[in-house]
Amino acid sequence: MSEARLTPLGEGRYSLDGVLDFATVTRVAGKGIALLRRDALVDIDLAGVESANSAGLALLLEWLDVARARGARLAYRNLPDSLVRIAAVSNLAALLPMVSAIDR
């Protein structure tokens, strides 16, 4: 299993890589909350996520809640199909701020 990693790319951009499941999301959750409390604009690319389940979706929704509470802008790029499907089945897809590469 690959740990989840949140890596800074510069100028409010980050990559989230690895596995997003019940065993890994708690280790990366605090890092995301810290950056959302610091940065006003946050863009997270999930292209490196190997696999994800509902715990990964809960993580993204938690970060979204933190961002909205402090008035920060948060965007997700390249969500894995597994997260898109879980969000759609749960009627949560409209809540996720997904952007394409040309939106930056």
PDB file of N, CA and C in Angstrom:
ATOM      1  N   MET A   1       0.847  -1.175   0.000  1.00  0.00           N
ATOM      2  CA  MET A   1       0.000   0.000   0.000  1.00  0.00           C
ATOM      3  C   MET A   1       0.891   1.235   0.000  1.00  0.00           C
ATOM      4  N   SER A   2       0.496   2.220  -0.770  1.00  0.00           N
ATOM      5  CA  SER A   2       1.242   3.464  -0.870  1.00  0.00           C
ATOM      6  C   SER A   2       0.583   4.538  -0.008  1.00  0.00           C
ATOM      7  N   GLU A   3       1.371   5.167   0.837  1.00  0.00           N
ATOM      8  CA  GLU A   3       0.854   6.241   1.690  1.00  0.00           C
ATOM      9  C   GLU A   3       0.375   7.412   0.841  1.00  0.00           C
ATOM     10  N   ALA A   4      -0.586   8.141   1.344  1.00  0.00           N
ATOM     11  CA  ALA A   4      -1.039   9.368   0.688  1.00  0.00           C
ATOM     12  C   ALA A   4      -0.026  10.464   0.985  1.00  0.00           C
ATOM     13  N   ARG A   5       0.300  11.253  -0.038  1.00  0.00           N
ATOM     14  CA  ARG A   5       1.258  12.346   0.118  1.00  0.00           C
ATOM     15  C   ARG A   5       0.689  13.614  -0.498  1.00  0.00           C
ATOM     16  N   LEU A   6       0.839  14.713   0.206  1.00  0.00           N
ATOM     17  CA  LEU A   6       0.439  16.027  -0.282  1.00  0.00           C
ATOM     18  C   LEU A   6       1.724  16.825  -0.478  1.00  0.00           C
ATOM     19  N   THR A   7       2.032  17.163  -1.730  1.00  0.00           N
ATOM     20  CA  THR A   7       3.313  17.773  -2.067  1.00  0.00           C
ATOM     21  C   THR A   7       3.098  19.162  -2.648  1.00  0.00           C
ATOM     22  N   PRO A   8       3.794  20.180  -2.131  1.00  0.00           N
ATOM     23  CA  PRO A   8       3.666  21.521  -2.696  1.00  0.00           C
ATOM     24  C   PRO A   8       4.339  21.598  -4.067  1.00  0.00           C
ATOM     25  N   LEU A   9       3.660  22.288  -5.004  1.00  0.00           N
ATOM     26  CA  LEU A   9       4.198  22.493  -6.348  1.00  0.00           C
ATOM     27  C   LEU A   9       4.508  23.967  -6.603  1.00  0.00           C
ATOM     28  N   GLY A  10       4.131  24.828  -5.657  1.00  0.00           N
ATOM     29  CA  GLY A  10       4.368  26.263  -5.788  1.00  0.00           C
ATOM     30  C   GLY A  10       3.113  27.034  -6.121  1.00  0.00           C
ATOM     31  N   GLU A  11       3.043  28.276  -5.662  1.00  0.00           N
ATOM     32  CA  GLU A  11       1.944  29.201  -5.970  1.00  0.00           C
ATOM     33  C   GLU A  11       0.561  28.623  -5.657  1.00  0.00           C
ATOM     34  N   GLY A  12       0.400  27.998  -4.503  1.00  0.00           N
ATOM     35  CA  GLY A  12      -0.896  27.462  -4.095  1.00  0.00           C
ATOM     36  C   GLY A  12      -1.298  26.168  -4.770  1.00  0.00           C
ATOM     37  N   ARG A  13      -0.373  25.564  -5.512  1.00  0.00           N
ATOM     38  CA  ARG A  13      -0.655  24.307  -6.203  1.00  0.00           C
ATOM     39  C   ARG A  13      -0.005  23.153  -5.439  1.00  0.00           C
ATOM     40  N   TYR A  14      -0.727  22.038  -5.371  1.00  0.00           N
ATOM     41  CA  TYR A  14      -0.263  20.855  -4.643  1.00  0.00           C
ATOM     42  C   TYR A  14      -0.636  19.611  -5.434  1.00  0.00           C
ATOM     43  N   SER A  15       0.110  18.540  -5.212  1.00  0.00           N
ATOM     44  CA  SER A  15      -0.285  17.247  -5.767  1.00  0.00           C
ATOM     45  C   SER A  15      -0.612  16.317  -4.604  1.00  0.00           C
ATOM     46  N   LEU A  16      -1.637  15.525  -4.796  1.00  0.00           N
ATOM     47  CA  LEU A  16      -2.029  14.505  -3.829  1.00  0.00           C
ATOM     48  C   LEU A  16      -1.813  13.165  -4.515  1.00  0.00           C
ATOM     49  N   ASP A  17      -0.958  12.330  -3.938  1.00  0.00           N
ATOM     50  CA  ASP A  17      -0.573  11.064  -4.548  1.00  0.00           C
ATOM     51  C   ASP A  17      -0.768   9.921  -3.569  1.00  0.00           C
ATOM     52  N   GLY A  18      -0.768   8.708  -4.115  1.00  0.00           N
ATOM     53  CA  GLY A  18      -0.831   7.510  -3.288  1.00  0.00           C
ATOM     54  C   GLY A  18      -2.234   6.935  -3.208  1.00  0.00           C
ATOM     55  N   VAL A  19      -2.508   6.288  -2.097  1.00  0.00           N
ATOM     56  CA  VAL A  19      -3.785   5.616  -1.859  1.00  0.00           C
ATOM     57  C   VAL A  19      -4.593   6.435  -0.865  1.00  0.00           C
ATOM     58  N   LEU A  20      -5.849   6.685  -1.199  1.00  0.00           N
ATOM     59  CA  LEU A  20      -6.759   7.399  -0.297  1.00  0.00           C
ATOM     60  C   LEU A  20      -7.787   6.404   0.221  1.00  0.00           C
ATOM     61  N   ASP A  21      -7.515   5.848   1.388  1.00  0.00           N
ATOM     62  CA  ASP A  21      -8.454   4.911   2.006  1.00  0.00           C
ATOM     63  C   ASP A  21      -8.472   5.138   3.516  1.00  0.00           C
ATOM     64  N   PHE A  22      -9.185   4.292   4.218  1.00  0.00           N
ATOM     65  CA  PHE A  22      -9.366   4.472   5.659  1.00  0.00           C
ATOM     66  C   PHE A  22      -8.045   4.439   6.421  1.00  0.00           C
ATOM     67  N   ALA A  23      -7.055   3.740   5.909  1.00  0.00           N
ATOM     68  CA  ALA A  23      -5.773   3.627   6.601  1.00  0.00           C
ATOM     69  C   ALA A  23      -4.846   4.811   6.337  1.00  0.00           C
ATOM     70  N   THR A  24      -5.085   5.563   5.261  1.00  0.00           N
ATOM     71  CA  THR A  24      -4.115   6.599   4.880  1.00  0.00           C
ATOM     72  C   THR A  24      -4.618   8.041   4.994  1.00  0.00           C
ATOM     73  N   VAL A  25      -5.915   8.273   4.917  1.00  0.00           N
ATOM     74  CA  VAL A  25      -6.385   9.668   4.838  1.00  0.00           C
ATOM     75  C   VAL A  25      -6.153  10.459   6.125  1.00  0.00           C
ATOM     76  N   THR A  26      -6.188   9.815   7.258  1.00  0.00           N
ATOM     77  CA  THR A  26      -6.001  10.578   8.501  1.00  0.00           C
ATOM     78  C   THR A  26      -4.600  11.164   8.589  1.00  0.00           C
ATOM     79  N   ARG A  27      -3.632  10.509   7.980  1.00  0.00           N
ATOM     80  CA  ARG A  27      -2.253  11.004   8.027  1.00  0.00           C
ATOM     81  C   ARG A  27      -2.050  12.247   7.164  1.00  0.00           C
ATOM     82  N   VAL A  28      -2.844  12.395   6.115  1.00  0.00           N
ATOM     83  CA  VAL A  28      -2.679  13.537   5.212  1.00  0.00           C
ATOM     84  C   VAL A  28      -3.723  14.632   5.473  1.00  0.00           C
ATOM     85  N   ALA A  29      -4.759  14.310   6.197  1.00  0.00           N
ATOM     86  CA  ALA A  29      -5.849  15.268   6.431  1.00  0.00           C
ATOM     87  C   ALA A  29      -5.361  16.546   7.091  1.00  0.00           C
ATOM     88  N   GLY A  30      -4.566  16.439   8.119  1.00  0.00           N
ATOM     89  CA  GLY A  30      -4.074  17.608   8.838  1.00  0.00           C
ATOM     90  C   GLY A  30      -3.203  18.502   7.985  1.00  0.00           C
ATOM     91  N   LYS A  31      -2.422  17.919   7.095  1.00  0.00           N
ATOM     92  CA  LYS A  31      -1.580  18.710   6.199  1.00  0.00           C
ATOM     93  C   LYS A  31      -2.437  19.567   5.279  1.00  0.00           C
ATOM     94  N   GLY A  32      -3.508  18.994   4.765  1.00  0.00           N
ATOM     95  CA  GLY A  32      -4.408  19.755   3.903  1.00  0.00           C
ATOM     96  C   GLY A  32      -5.116  20.862   4.657  1.00  0.00           C
ATOM     97  N   ILE A  33      -5.541  20.583   5.861  1.00  0.00           N
ATOM     98  CA  ILE A  33      -6.215  21.606   6.674  1.00  0.00           C
ATOM     99  C   ILE A  33      -5.258  22.755   6.968  1.00  0.00           C
ATOM    100  N   ALA A  34      -4.012  22.438   7.262  1.00  0.00           N
ATOM    101  CA  ALA A  34      -3.029  23.482   7.546  1.00  0.00           C
ATOM    102  C   ALA A  34      -2.807  24.387   6.345  1.00  0.00           C
ATOM    103  N   LEU A  35      -2.693  23.825   5.169  1.00  0.00           N
ATOM    104  CA  LEU A  35      -2.465  24.667   3.996  1.00  0.00           C
ATOM    105  C   LEU A  35      -3.709  25.473   3.637  1.00  0.00           C
ATOM    106  N   LEU A  36      -4.885  24.936   3.894  1.00  0.00           N
ATOM    107  CA  LEU A  36      -6.120  25.685   3.622  1.00  0.00           C
ATOM    108  C   LEU A  36      -6.298  26.843   4.593  1.00  0.00           C
ATOM    109  N   ARG A  37      -5.745  26.714   5.761  1.00  0.00           N
ATOM    110  CA  ARG A  37      -5.797  27.814   6.730  1.00  0.00           C
ATOM    111  C   ARG A  37      -4.769  28.884   6.406  1.00  0.00           C
ATOM    112  N   ARG A  38      -3.758  28.527   5.612  1.00  0.00           N
ATOM    113  CA  ARG A  38      -2.681  29.450   5.272  1.00  0.00           C
ATOM    114  C   ARG A  38      -2.884  30.111   3.905  1.00  0.00           C
ATOM    115  N   ASP A  39      -3.271  29.342   2.888  1.00  0.00           N
ATOM    116  CA  ASP A  39      -3.370  29.832   1.515  1.00  0.00           C
ATOM    117  C   ASP A  39      -4.803  30.218   1.158  1.00  0.00           C
ATOM    118  N   ALA A  40      -4.972  31.313   0.454  1.00  0.00           N
ATOM    119  CA  ALA A  40      -6.308  31.756   0.041  1.00  0.00           C
ATOM    120  C   ALA A  40      -6.777  31.044  -1.231  1.00  0.00           C
ATOM    121  N   LEU A  41      -5.832  30.633  -2.064  1.00  0.00           N
ATOM    122  CA  LEU A  41      -6.137  29.906  -3.298  1.00  0.00           C
ATOM    123  C   LEU A  41      -5.381  28.593  -3.275  1.00  0.00           C
ATOM    124  N   VAL A  42      -6.112  27.480  -3.358  1.00  0.00           N
ATOM    125  CA  VAL A  42      -5.488  26.159  -3.293  1.00  0.00           C
ATOM    126  C   VAL A  42      -5.996  25.316  -4.453  1.00  0.00           C
ATOM    127  N   ASP A  43      -5.067  24.735  -5.174  1.00  0.00           N
ATOM    128  CA  ASP A  43      -5.362  23.897  -6.330  1.00  0.00           C
ATOM    129  C   ASP A  43      -4.677  22.556  -6.096  1.00  0.00           C
ATOM    130  N   ILE A  44      -5.452  21.479  -6.012  1.00  0.00           N
ATOM    131  CA  ILE A  44      -4.902  20.160  -5.704  1.00  0.00           C
ATOM    132  C   ILE A  44      -5.115  19.226  -6.888  1.00  0.00           C
ATOM    133  N   ASP A  45      -4.017  18.682  -7.401  1.00  0.00           N
ATOM    134  CA  ASP A  45      -4.048  17.752  -8.528  1.00  0.00           C
ATOM    135  C   ASP A  45      -3.989  16.324  -7.984  1.00  0.00           C
ATOM    136  N   LEU A  46      -4.980  15.522  -8.336  1.00  0.00           N
ATOM    137  CA  LEU A  46      -5.071  14.155  -7.842  1.00  0.00           C
ATOM    138  C   LEU A  46      -4.665  13.119  -8.889  1.00  0.00           C
ATOM    139  N   ALA A  47      -3.929  13.541  -9.918  1.00  0.00           N
ATOM    140  CA  ALA A  47      -3.536  12.619 -10.986  1.00  0.00           C
ATOM    141  C   ALA A  47      -2.711  11.445 -10.463  1.00  0.00           C
ATOM    142  N   GLY A  48      -1.988  11.642  -9.369  1.00  0.00           N
ATOM    143  CA  GLY A  48      -1.135  10.594  -8.814  1.00  0.00           C
ATOM    144  C   GLY A  48      -1.807   9.675  -7.816  1.00  0.00           C
ATOM    145  N   VAL A  49      -3.116   9.812  -7.637  1.00  0.00           N
ATOM    146  CA  VAL A  49      -3.830   8.929  -6.708  1.00  0.00           C
ATOM    147  C   VAL A  49      -3.965   7.553  -7.358  1.00  0.00           C
ATOM    148  N   GLU A  50      -3.425   6.549  -6.698  1.00  0.00           N
ATOM    149  CA  GLU A  50      -3.429   5.185  -7.217  1.00  0.00           C
ATOM    150  C   GLU A  50      -4.789   4.515  -7.067  1.00  0.00           C
ATOM    151  N   SER A  51      -5.419   4.723  -5.927  1.00  0.00           N
ATOM    152  CA  SER A  51      -6.760   4.193  -5.674  1.00  0.00           C
ATOM    153  C   SER A  51      -7.391   5.018  -4.566  1.00  0.00           C
ATOM    154  N   ALA A  52      -8.733   5.001  -4.534  1.00  0.00           N
ATOM    155  CA  ALA A  52      -9.452   5.784  -3.530  1.00  0.00           C
ATOM    156  C   ALA A  52     -10.807   5.149  -3.278  1.00  0.00           C
ATOM    157  N   ASN A  53     -11.274   5.313  -2.038  1.00  0.00           N
ATOM    158  CA  ASN A  53     -12.614   4.840  -1.692  1.00  0.00           C
ATOM    159  C   ASN A  53     -13.377   5.978  -1.008  1.00  0.00           C
ATOM    160  N   SER A  54     -14.429   5.656  -0.304  1.00  0.00           N
ATOM    161  CA  SER A  54     -15.268   6.693   0.309  1.00  0.00           C
ATOM    162  C   SER A  54     -14.502   7.520   1.345  1.00  0.00           C
ATOM    163  N   ALA A  55     -13.465   6.963   1.939  1.00  0.00           N
ATOM    164  CA  ALA A  55     -12.640   7.751   2.870  1.00  0.00           C
ATOM    165  C   ALA A  55     -11.933   8.872   2.126  1.00  0.00           C
ATOM    166  N   GLY A  56     -11.506   8.620   0.911  1.00  0.00           N
ATOM    167  CA  GLY A  56     -10.894   9.660   0.085  1.00  0.00           C
ATOM    168  C   GLY A  56     -11.877  10.762  -0.244  1.00  0.00           C
ATOM    169  N   LEU A  57     -13.110  10.385  -0.557  1.00  0.00           N
ATOM    170  CA  LEU A  57     -14.140  11.388  -0.817  1.00  0.00           C
ATOM    171  C   LEU A  57     -14.425  12.208   0.434  1.00  0.00           C
ATOM    172  N   ALA A  58     -14.490  11.558   1.576  1.00  0.00           N
ATOM    173  CA  ALA A  58     -14.711  12.284   2.836  1.00  0.00           C
ATOM    174  C   ALA A  58     -13.584  13.275   3.101  1.00  0.00           C
ATOM    175  N   LEU A  59     -12.364  12.903   2.778  1.00  0.00           N
ATOM    176  CA  LEU A  59     -11.224  13.801   2.930  1.00  0.00           C
ATOM    177  C   LEU A  59     -11.397  15.058   2.076  1.00  0.00           C
ATOM    178  N   LEU A  60     -11.751  14.881   0.816  1.00  0.00           N
ATOM    179  CA  LEU A  60     -11.928  16.023  -0.083  1.00  0.00           C
ATOM    180  C   LEU A  60     -13.066  16.930   0.375  1.00  0.00           C
ATOM    181  N   LEU A  61     -14.128  16.336   0.887  1.00  0.00           N
ATOM    182  CA  LEU A  61     -15.249  17.134   1.389  1.00  0.00           C
ATOM    183  C   LEU A  61     -14.869  17.877   2.669  1.00  0.00           C
ATOM    184  N   GLU A  62     -14.064  17.263   3.519  1.00  0.00           N
ATOM    185  CA  GLU A  62     -13.592  17.923   4.745  1.00  0.00           C
ATOM    186  C   GLU A  62     -12.745  19.139   4.390  1.00  0.00           C
ATOM    187  N   TRP A  63     -11.816  18.961   3.442  1.00  0.00           N
ATOM    188  CA  TRP A  63     -10.984  20.078   3.021  1.00  0.00           C
ATOM    189  C   TRP A  63     -11.838  21.191   2.419  1.00  0.00           C
ATOM    190  N   LEU A  64     -12.844  20.825   1.669  1.00  0.00           N
ATOM    191  CA  LEU A  64     -13.749  21.812   1.088  1.00  0.00           C
ATOM    192  C   LEU A  64     -14.468  22.599   2.181  1.00  0.00           C
ATOM    193  N   ASP A  65     -14.901  21.922   3.219  1.00  0.00           N
ATOM    194  CA  ASP A  65     -15.575  22.574   4.343  1.00  0.00           C
ATOM    195  C   ASP A  65     -14.644  23.573   5.041  1.00  0.00           C
ATOM    196  N   VAL A  66     -13.397  23.184   5.249  1.00  0.00           N
ATOM    197  CA  VAL A  66     -12.413  24.078   5.880  1.00  0.00           C
ATOM    198  C   VAL A  66     -12.179  25.298   4.997  1.00  0.00           C
ATOM    199  N   ALA A  67     -12.022  25.074   3.700  1.00  0.00           N
ATOM    200  CA  ALA A  67     -11.786  26.188   2.774  1.00  0.00           C
ATOM    201  C   ALA A  67     -12.950  27.169   2.785  1.00  0.00           C
ATOM    202  N   ARG A  68     -14.154  26.659   2.716  1.00  0.00           N
ATOM    203  CA  ARG A  68     -15.332  27.532   2.699  1.00  0.00           C
ATOM    204  C   ARG A  68     -15.474  28.297   4.012  1.00  0.00           C
ATOM    205  N   ALA A  69     -15.150  27.676   5.126  1.00  0.00           N
ATOM    206  CA  ALA A  69     -15.276  28.329   6.429  1.00  0.00           C
ATOM    207  C   ALA A  69     -14.356  29.539   6.545  1.00  0.00           C
ATOM    208  N   ARG A  70     -13.232  29.502   5.875  1.00  0.00           N
ATOM    209  CA  ARG A  70     -12.321  30.641   5.962  1.00  0.00           C
ATOM    210  C   ARG A  70     -12.313  31.500   4.701  1.00  0.00           C
ATOM    211  N   GLY A  71     -13.171  31.191   3.738  1.00  0.00           N
ATOM    212  CA  GLY A  71     -13.274  32.008   2.534  1.00  0.00           C
ATOM    213  C   GLY A  71     -12.178  31.756   1.522  1.00  0.00           C
ATOM    214  N   ALA A  72     -11.525  30.608   1.592  1.00  0.00           N
ATOM    215  CA  ALA A  72     -10.484  30.245   0.624  1.00  0.00           C
ATOM    216  C   ALA A  72     -11.130  29.599  -0.604  1.00  0.00           C
ATOM    217  N   ARG A  73     -10.427  29.668  -1.731  1.00  0.00           N
ATOM    218  CA  ARG A  73     -10.873  28.986  -2.948  1.00  0.00           C
ATOM    219  C   ARG A  73     -10.093  27.693  -3.085  1.00  0.00           C
ATOM    220  N   LEU A  74     -10.818  26.593  -3.260  1.00  0.00           N
ATOM    221  CA  LEU A  74     -10.215  25.273  -3.394  1.00  0.00           C
ATOM    222  C   LEU A  74     -10.695  24.652  -4.690  1.00  0.00           C
ATOM    223  N   ALA A  75      -9.769  24.085  -5.448  1.00  0.00           N
ATOM    224  CA  ALA A  75     -10.125  23.396  -6.696  1.00  0.00           C
ATOM    225  C   ALA A  75      -9.418  22.050  -6.738  1.00  0.00           C
ATOM    226  N   TYR A  76     -10.110  21.047  -7.279  1.00  0.00           N
ATOM    227  CA  TYR A  76      -9.536  19.720  -7.464  1.00  0.00           C
ATOM    228  C   TYR A  76      -9.400  19.446  -8.956  1.00  0.00           C
ATOM    229  N   ARG A  77      -8.274  18.870  -9.339  1.00  0.00           N
ATOM    230  CA  ARG A  77      -8.015  18.480 -10.726  1.00  0.00           C
ATOM    231  C   ARG A  77      -7.767  16.983 -10.804  1.00  0.00           C
ATOM    232  N   ASN A  78      -8.154  16.405 -11.930  1.00  0.00           N
ATOM    233  CA  ASN A  78      -7.827  15.013 -12.235  1.00  0.00           C
ATOM    234  C   ASN A  78      -8.287  14.037 -11.160  1.00  0.00           C
ATOM    235  N   LEU A  79      -9.544  14.169 -10.738  1.00  0.00           N
ATOM    236  CA  LEU A  79     -10.079  13.222  -9.764  1.00  0.00           C
ATOM    237  C   LEU A  79     -10.106  11.822 -10.372  1.00  0.00           C
ATOM    238  N   PRO A  80      -9.699  10.818  -9.601  1.00  0.00           N
ATOM    239  CA  PRO A  80      -9.758   9.444 -10.096  1.00  0.00           C
ATOM    240  C   PRO A  80     -11.210   9.040 -10.356  1.00  0.00           C
ATOM    241  N   ASP A  81     -11.396   8.165 -11.327  1.00  0.00           N
ATOM    242  CA  ASP A  81     -12.742   7.704 -11.666  1.00  0.00           C
ATOM    243  C   ASP A  81     -13.471   7.132 -10.458  1.00  0.00           C
ATOM    244  N   SER A  82     -12.739   6.451  -9.571  1.00  0.00           N
ATOM    245  CA  SER A  82     -13.398   5.850  -8.408  1.00  0.00           C
ATOM    246  C   SER A  82     -14.048   6.935  -7.543  1.00  0.00           C
ATOM    247  N   LEU A  83     -13.383   8.062  -7.353  1.00  0.00           N
ATOM    248  CA  LEU A  83     -13.962   9.147  -6.551  1.00  0.00           C
ATOM    249  C   LEU A  83     -15.127   9.814  -7.271  1.00  0.00           C
ATOM    250  N   VAL A  84     -15.007   9.976  -8.566  1.00  0.00           N
ATOM    251  CA  VAL A  84     -16.097  10.572  -9.347  1.00  0.00           C
ATOM    252  C   VAL A  84     -17.341   9.693  -9.254  1.00  0.00           C
ATOM    253  N   ARG A  85     -17.157   8.375  -9.356  1.00  0.00           N
ATOM    254  CA  ARG A  85     -18.304   7.453  -9.276  1.00  0.00           C
ATOM    255  C   ARG A  85     -18.933   7.457  -7.887  1.00  0.00           C
ATOM    256  N   ILE A  86     -18.116   7.424  -6.844  1.00  0.00           N
ATOM    257  CA  ILE A  86     -18.656   7.440  -5.480  1.00  0.00           C
ATOM    258  C   ILE A  86     -19.418   8.734  -5.233  1.00  0.00           C
ATOM    259  N   ALA A  87     -18.868   9.850  -5.679  1.00  0.00           N
ATOM    260  CA  ALA A  87     -19.533  11.146  -5.507  1.00  0.00           C
ATOM    261  C   ALA A  87     -20.855  11.182  -6.265  1.00  0.00           C
ATOM    262  N   ALA A  88     -20.881  10.617  -7.462  1.00  0.00           N
ATOM    263  CA  ALA A  88     -22.109  10.612  -8.259  1.00  0.00           C
ATOM    264  C   ALA A  88     -23.188   9.751  -7.608  1.00  0.00           C
ATOM    265  N   VAL A  89     -22.821   8.568  -7.153  1.00  0.00           N
ATOM    266  CA  VAL A  89     -23.774   7.667  -6.511  1.00  0.00           C
ATOM    267  C   VAL A  89     -24.310   8.270  -5.219  1.00  0.00           C
ATOM    268  N   SER A  90     -23.476   9.046  -4.543  1.00  0.00           N
ATOM    269  CA  SER A  90     -23.855   9.667  -3.268  1.00  0.00           C
ATOM    270  C   SER A  90     -24.522  11.030  -3.440  1.00  0.00           C
ATOM    271  N   ASN A  91     -24.744  11.438  -4.680  1.00  0.00           N
ATOM    272  CA  ASN A  91     -25.311  12.763  -4.986  1.00  0.00           C
ATOM    273  C   ASN A  91     -24.459  13.889  -4.410  1.00  0.00           C
ATOM    274  N   LEU A  92     -23.133  13.721  -4.445  1.00  0.00           N
ATOM    275  CA  LEU A  92     -22.213  14.722  -3.918  1.00  0.00           C
ATOM    276  C   LEU A  92     -21.325  15.342  -5.001  1.00  0.00           C
ATOM    277  N   ALA A  93     -21.452  14.874  -6.230  1.00  0.00           N
ATOM    278  CA  ALA A  93     -20.567  15.341  -7.300  1.00  0.00           C
ATOM    279  C   ALA A  93     -20.640  16.848  -7.495  1.00  0.00           C
ATOM    280  N   ALA A  94     -21.815  17.427  -7.350  1.00  0.00           N
ATOM    281  CA  ALA A  94     -21.964  18.867  -7.562  1.00  0.00           C
ATOM    282  C   ALA A  94     -21.236  19.698  -6.500  1.00  0.00           C
ATOM    283  N   LEU A  95     -20.929  19.087  -5.362  1.00  0.00           N
ATOM    284  CA  LEU A  95     -20.234  19.803  -4.296  1.00  0.00           C
ATOM    285  C   LEU A  95     -18.740  19.939  -4.546  1.00  0.00           C
ATOM    286  N   LEU A  96     -18.169  19.028  -5.327  1.00  0.00           N
ATOM    287  CA  LEU A  96     -16.721  19.025  -5.533  1.00  0.00           C
ATOM    288  C   LEU A  96     -16.318  20.058  -6.581  1.00  0.00           C
ATOM    289  N   PRO A  97     -15.426  20.968  -6.213  1.00  0.00           N
ATOM    290  CA  PRO A  97     -14.985  22.007  -7.153  1.00  0.00           C
ATOM    291  C   PRO A  97     -13.921  21.468  -8.112  1.00  0.00           C
ATOM    292  N   MET A  98     -14.380  20.778  -9.153  1.00  0.00           N
ATOM    293  CA  MET A  98     -13.463  20.174 -10.117  1.00  0.00           C
ATOM    294  C   MET A  98     -13.220  21.157 -11.260  1.00  0.00           C
ATOM    295  N   VAL A  99     -11.956  21.258 -11.659  1.00  0.00           N
ATOM    296  CA  VAL A  99     -11.598  22.124 -12.771  1.00  0.00           C
ATOM    297  C   VAL A  99     -10.757  21.341 -13.763  1.00  0.00           C
ATOM    298  N   SER A 100     -10.754  21.818 -15.003  1.00  0.00           N
ATOM    299  CA  SER A 100      -9.922  21.181 -16.010  1.00  0.00           C
ATOM    300  C   SER A 100      -8.602  21.933 -16.106  1.00  0.00           C
ATOM    301  N   ALA A 101      -7.667  21.371 -16.831  1.00  0.00           N
ATOM    302  CA  ALA A 101      -6.336  21.978 -16.950  1.00  0.00           C
ATOM    303  C   ALA A 101      -6.391  23.353 -17.593  1.00  0.00           C
ATOM    304  N   ILE A 102      -7.379  23.646 -18.412  1.00  0.00           N
ATOM    305  CA  ILE A 102      -7.434  24.946 -19.082  1.00  0.00           C
ATOM    306  C   ILE A 102      -8.048  26.025 -18.199  1.00  0.00           C
ATOM    307  N   ASP A 103      -8.580  25.646 -17.043  1.00  0.00           N
ATOM    308  CA  ASP A 103      -9.189  26.626 -16.143  1.00  0.00           C
ATOM    309  C   ASP A 103      -8.177  27.386 -15.309  1.00  0.00           C
ATOM    310  N   ARG A 104      -6.963  26.979 -15.275  1.00  0.00           N
ATOM    311  CA  ARG A 104      -5.940  27.603 -14.407  1.00  0.00           C
ATOM    312  C   ARG A 104      -5.413  28.871 -15.018  1.00  0.00           C
TER     313      ARG A 104
END
